[in-house]
Amino acid sequence: MAKSKSNPQARAALDKFKYEVANEIGVNLKQGYNGDLTSKQAGQIGGEMVKKLVAKAANQMQQGQ
């Protein structure tokens, strides 16, 4: 994932979200190097993040925000 230089708060929020999602789906994500993760595990984390972000955006659009 590319480093965000323009908004460190957004980067920190996404990192926190990533660890929360990993914990929810039972993937042991550590700070730093995670080369021991399988492609499937990494994809599960990213896929679940996208699913949750899209659902949140759709919900906000329905509410007119």
N, C-alpha and C. Protein backbone atom coordinates (compact mmCIF):
# COMPACT_ATOMS: atom_id res chain seq x y z
N MET A 1 0.85 -1.17 0.00
CA MET A 1 0.00 0.00 0.00
C MET A 1 0.90 1.24 0.00
N ALA A 2 0.61 2.22 -0.83
CA ALA A 2 1.42 3.43 -0.95
C ALA A 2 1.31 4.26 0.32
N LYS A 3 2.42 4.87 0.70
CA LYS A 3 2.44 5.75 1.87
C LYS A 3 1.79 7.08 1.52
N SER A 4 0.95 7.56 2.41
CA SER A 4 0.28 8.85 2.21
C SER A 4 1.07 9.93 2.91
N LYS A 5 1.71 10.81 2.14
CA LYS A 5 2.47 11.90 2.74
C LYS A 5 1.59 13.11 3.00
N SER A 6 0.49 13.22 2.28
CA SER A 6 -0.33 14.42 2.38
C SER A 6 -1.28 14.39 3.58
N ASN A 7 -1.65 13.20 4.06
CA ASN A 7 -2.59 13.13 5.17
C ASN A 7 -2.23 11.98 6.11
N PRO A 8 -1.33 12.23 7.05
CA PRO A 8 -0.93 11.16 7.95
C PRO A 8 -2.07 10.65 8.84
N GLN A 9 -3.05 11.49 9.12
CA GLN A 9 -4.19 11.05 9.93
C GLN A 9 -5.02 10.02 9.17
N ALA A 10 -5.20 10.24 7.88
CA ALA A 10 -5.94 9.28 7.05
C ALA A 10 -5.18 7.95 6.99
N ARG A 11 -3.87 8.04 6.86
CA ARG A 11 -3.04 6.82 6.81
C ARG A 11 -3.17 6.04 8.12
N ALA A 12 -3.11 6.75 9.24
CA ALA A 12 -3.23 6.10 10.55
C ALA A 12 -4.60 5.45 10.72
N ALA A 13 -5.65 6.13 10.24
CA ALA A 13 -7.00 5.58 10.35
C ALA A 13 -7.14 4.31 9.51
N LEU A 14 -6.56 4.30 8.31
CA LEU A 14 -6.63 3.11 7.46
C LEU A 14 -5.83 1.96 8.06
N ASP A 15 -4.68 2.27 8.66
CA ASP A 15 -3.89 1.22 9.30
C ASP A 15 -4.67 0.61 10.47
N LYS A 16 -5.30 1.45 11.27
CA LYS A 16 -6.09 0.97 12.40
C LYS A 16 -7.23 0.08 11.88
N PHE A 17 -7.89 0.54 10.83
CA PHE A 17 -8.99 -0.21 10.21
C PHE A 17 -8.50 -1.57 9.72
N LYS A 18 -7.31 -1.58 9.10
CA LYS A 18 -6.74 -2.82 8.58
C LYS A 18 -6.53 -3.84 9.70
N TYR A 19 -5.99 -3.39 10.83
CA TYR A 19 -5.76 -4.30 11.95
C TYR A 19 -7.07 -4.78 12.56
N GLU A 20 -8.07 -3.91 12.61
CA GLU A 20 -9.38 -4.31 13.13
C GLU A 20 -10.02 -5.38 12.25
N VAL A 21 -9.95 -5.18 10.93
CA VAL A 21 -10.51 -6.15 9.99
C VAL A 21 -9.76 -7.48 10.09
N ALA A 22 -8.44 -7.42 10.15
CA ALA A 22 -7.64 -8.64 10.26
C ALA A 22 -8.03 -9.42 11.52
N ASN A 23 -8.22 -8.71 12.60
CA ASN A 23 -8.61 -9.34 13.86
C ASN A 23 -10.00 -9.98 13.73
N GLU A 24 -10.93 -9.28 13.09
CA GLU A 24 -12.29 -9.79 12.91
C GLU A 24 -12.33 -11.09 12.13
N ILE A 25 -11.48 -11.20 11.12
CA ILE A 25 -11.51 -12.40 10.27
C ILE A 25 -10.49 -13.45 10.72
N GLY A 26 -9.80 -13.18 11.82
CA GLY A 26 -8.91 -14.18 12.39
C GLY A 26 -7.54 -14.29 11.76
N VAL A 27 -7.05 -13.21 11.13
CA VAL A 27 -5.72 -13.21 10.54
C VAL A 27 -4.78 -12.50 11.50
N ASN A 28 -3.65 -13.15 11.82
CA ASN A 28 -2.68 -12.59 12.75
C ASN A 28 -1.79 -11.59 12.02
N LEU A 29 -2.21 -10.33 12.03
CA LEU A 29 -1.47 -9.26 11.38
C LEU A 29 -0.63 -8.55 12.43
N LYS A 30 0.68 -8.44 12.17
CA LYS A 30 1.60 -7.82 13.12
C LYS A 30 2.03 -6.45 12.61
N GLN A 31 2.51 -5.62 13.53
CA GLN A 31 3.14 -4.35 13.12
C GLN A 31 4.42 -4.70 12.37
N GLY A 32 4.70 -4.01 11.28
CA GLY A 32 5.92 -4.26 10.54
C GLY A 32 5.75 -5.35 9.49
N TYR A 33 6.73 -6.22 9.39
CA TYR A 33 6.81 -7.23 8.35
C TYR A 33 5.76 -8.32 8.54
N ASN A 34 5.00 -8.60 7.48
CA ASN A 34 3.99 -9.65 7.50
C ASN A 34 4.15 -10.60 6.32
N GLY A 35 5.40 -10.88 5.98
CA GLY A 35 5.69 -11.74 4.84
C GLY A 35 5.26 -13.18 5.03
N ASP A 36 4.89 -13.54 6.26
CA ASP A 36 4.46 -14.90 6.51
C ASP A 36 2.97 -15.11 6.19
N LEU A 37 2.27 -14.03 5.83
CA LEU A 37 0.86 -14.16 5.44
C LEU A 37 0.77 -14.79 4.05
N THR A 38 -0.26 -15.58 3.86
CA THR A 38 -0.48 -16.12 2.52
C THR A 38 -1.16 -15.05 1.67
N SER A 39 -1.13 -15.23 0.37
CA SER A 39 -1.84 -14.31 -0.52
C SER A 39 -3.32 -14.31 -0.22
N LYS A 40 -3.84 -15.46 0.13
CA LYS A 40 -5.25 -15.56 0.46
C LYS A 40 -5.58 -14.71 1.68
N GLN A 41 -4.77 -14.78 2.72
CA GLN A 41 -5.01 -14.00 3.93
C GLN A 41 -4.94 -12.50 3.65
N ALA A 42 -3.91 -12.09 2.91
CA ALA A 42 -3.77 -10.67 2.58
C ALA A 42 -4.97 -10.21 1.74
N GLY A 43 -5.41 -11.04 0.81
CA GLY A 43 -6.56 -10.70 -0.01
C GLY A 43 -7.85 -10.63 0.79
N GLN A 44 -7.97 -11.49 1.78
CA GLN A 44 -9.15 -11.46 2.64
C GLN A 44 -9.22 -10.14 3.40
N ILE A 45 -8.09 -9.69 3.90
CA ILE A 45 -8.06 -8.42 4.64
C ILE A 45 -8.47 -7.27 3.72
N GLY A 46 -7.81 -7.17 2.57
CA GLY A 46 -8.12 -6.10 1.63
C GLY A 46 -9.54 -6.16 1.12
N GLY A 47 -10.00 -7.36 0.80
CA GLY A 47 -11.35 -7.52 0.29
C GLY A 47 -12.41 -7.11 1.31
N GLU A 48 -12.18 -7.49 2.56
CA GLU A 48 -13.14 -7.14 3.61
C GLU A 48 -13.12 -5.63 3.87
N MET A 49 -11.93 -5.03 3.78
CA MET A 49 -11.84 -3.57 3.95
C MET A 49 -12.65 -2.86 2.87
N VAL A 50 -12.48 -3.30 1.62
CA VAL A 50 -13.20 -2.68 0.51
C VAL A 50 -14.70 -2.88 0.68
N LYS A 51 -15.12 -4.08 1.06
CA LYS A 51 -16.54 -4.37 1.24
C LYS A 51 -17.15 -3.42 2.28
N LYS A 52 -16.44 -3.24 3.40
CA LYS A 52 -16.95 -2.38 4.47
C LYS A 52 -16.96 -0.91 4.05
N LEU A 53 -15.93 -0.46 3.34
CA LEU A 53 -15.88 0.94 2.90
C LEU A 53 -16.95 1.24 1.86
N VAL A 54 -17.19 0.30 0.95
CA VAL A 54 -18.23 0.50 -0.06
C VAL A 54 -19.61 0.53 0.60
N ALA A 55 -19.84 -0.36 1.56
CA ALA A 55 -21.12 -0.37 2.27
C ALA A 55 -21.34 0.94 3.02
N LYS A 56 -20.28 1.45 3.63
CA LYS A 56 -20.39 2.72 4.36
C LYS A 56 -20.71 3.87 3.40
N ALA A 57 -20.04 3.91 2.27
CA ALA A 57 -20.29 4.96 1.29
C ALA A 57 -21.69 4.87 0.74
N ALA A 58 -22.16 3.67 0.45
CA ALA A 58 -23.53 3.49 -0.07
C ALA A 58 -24.55 3.96 0.96
N ASN A 59 -24.30 3.63 2.21
CA ASN A 59 -25.19 4.04 3.29
C ASN A 59 -25.24 5.56 3.40
N GLN A 60 -24.07 6.20 3.31
CA GLN A 60 -24.02 7.66 3.38
C GLN A 60 -24.73 8.30 2.19
N MET A 61 -24.61 7.70 1.01
CA MET A 61 -25.28 8.24 -0.17
C MET A 61 -26.80 8.13 -0.02
N GLN A 62 -27.27 7.03 0.55
CA GLN A 62 -28.71 6.85 0.76
C GLN A 62 -29.24 7.87 1.75
N GLN A 63 -28.43 8.25 2.71
CA GLN A 63 -28.85 9.20 3.72
C GLN A 63 -28.62 10.65 3.27
N GLY A 64 -28.04 10.81 2.09
CA GLY A 64 -27.84 12.14 1.53
C GLY A 64 -26.74 12.94 2.17
N GLN A 65 -25.73 12.28 2.67
CA GLN A 65 -24.63 12.99 3.33
C GLN A 65 -23.54 13.33 2.36
